[in-house]
Amino acid sequence: MAHKTITISQEAYNALKAMKNEHESFTQVILKITGKKKPKLSQILPHIVWNGPHEELDDLEDEIRLNRRKQILREVEP
């Protein structure tokens, strides 16, 4: 994925930082507030399907995505 450097004011940075969770990147925050972020499993699945806390389901989804990225990288490496 390509990366770009942007310049924002200190006020904008502080606002983004205040919205950011501990394990969330600034990219994820921007995508979330612009409506471009894919919904989490906990937002898609009915509550009847998952009886545990939404955070656990979100953590599981994050782990699945991380493992997919690692698998793709292994397949691409020479």
Protein backbone atom coordinates (compact mmCIF):
# COMPACT_ATOMS: atom_id res chain seq x y z
CA MET A 1 0.00 0.00 0.00
CA ALA A 2 1.33 3.41 -0.93
CA HIS A 3 1.76 6.03 1.76
CA LYS A 4 1.45 9.81 1.56
CA THR A 5 2.67 12.48 3.92
CA ILE A 6 0.22 15.25 4.76
CA THR A 7 0.53 18.45 6.75
CA ILE A 8 -2.21 19.31 9.23
CA SER A 9 -2.53 21.92 11.93
CA GLN A 10 -1.76 21.11 15.54
CA GLU A 11 -5.45 21.57 16.28
CA ALA A 12 -6.40 18.96 13.65
CA TYR A 13 -3.73 16.58 14.93
CA ASN A 14 -5.00 16.93 18.50
CA ALA A 15 -8.58 16.29 17.33
CA LEU A 16 -7.53 13.12 15.47
CA LYS A 17 -5.41 11.97 18.39
CA ALA A 18 -8.36 12.41 20.76
CA MET A 19 -10.50 10.18 18.50
CA LYS A 20 -7.83 7.50 18.18
CA ASN A 21 -8.03 4.32 20.24
CA GLU A 22 -4.88 2.75 21.68
CA HIS A 23 -4.58 0.12 18.94
CA GLU A 24 -5.86 2.28 16.10
CA SER A 25 -3.74 4.05 13.51
CA PHE A 26 -4.36 7.59 12.30
CA THR A 27 -5.24 6.09 8.91
CA GLN A 28 -7.97 4.00 10.56
CA VAL A 29 -9.34 7.08 12.33
CA ILE A 30 -9.47 9.07 9.10
CA LEU A 31 -11.17 6.21 7.25
CA LYS A 32 -13.64 5.83 10.09
CA ILE A 33 -14.66 9.49 10.13
CA THR A 34 -14.85 9.70 6.33
CA GLY A 35 -17.07 6.65 6.15
CA LYS A 36 -14.53 4.64 4.14
CA LYS A 37 -13.77 2.07 6.82
CA LYS A 38 -15.17 -1.44 6.45
CA PRO A 39 -17.59 -2.25 9.25
CA LYS A 40 -16.43 -4.54 12.04
CA LEU A 41 -17.93 -8.00 12.38
CA SER A 42 -19.66 -6.90 15.57
CA GLN A 43 -21.55 -4.28 13.56
CA ILE A 44 -22.64 -6.77 10.90
CA LEU A 45 -23.55 -9.90 12.85
CA PRO A 46 -26.74 -9.95 14.89
CA HIS A 47 -26.18 -9.96 18.64
CA ILE A 48 -27.72 -13.43 18.86
CA VAL A 49 -24.83 -14.94 16.89
CA TRP A 50 -22.08 -13.56 19.15
CA ASN A 51 -22.84 -13.60 22.85
CA GLY A 52 -19.44 -12.31 23.93
CA PRO A 53 -18.25 -8.72 24.21
CA HIS A 54 -17.98 -6.82 20.93
CA GLU A 55 -14.34 -6.03 21.73
CA GLU A 56 -13.47 -9.75 21.62
CA LEU A 57 -15.06 -10.12 18.21
CA ASP A 58 -13.27 -7.01 16.95
CA ASP A 59 -9.96 -8.34 18.31
CA LEU A 60 -10.58 -11.66 16.55
CA GLU A 61 -11.28 -9.88 13.28
CA ASP A 62 -8.10 -7.81 13.65
CA GLU A 63 -6.10 -11.00 14.26
CA ILE A 64 -7.59 -12.65 11.17
CA ARG A 65 -6.71 -9.63 9.02
CA LEU A 66 -3.16 -9.53 10.41
CA ASN A 67 -2.66 -13.22 9.68
CA ARG A 68 -4.00 -12.75 6.14
CA ARG A 69 -1.49 -9.95 5.53
CA LYS A 70 1.35 -12.11 6.85
CA GLN A 71 0.27 -14.99 4.59
CA ILE A 72 0.14 -12.70 1.54
CA LEU A 73 3.61 -11.35 2.32
CA ARG A 74 5.00 -14.88 2.64
CA GLU A 75 3.50 -15.80 -0.74
CA VAL A 76 4.98 -12.72 -2.41
CA GLU A 77 8.49 -12.99 -0.97
CA PRO A 78 11.05 -14.55 -3.37
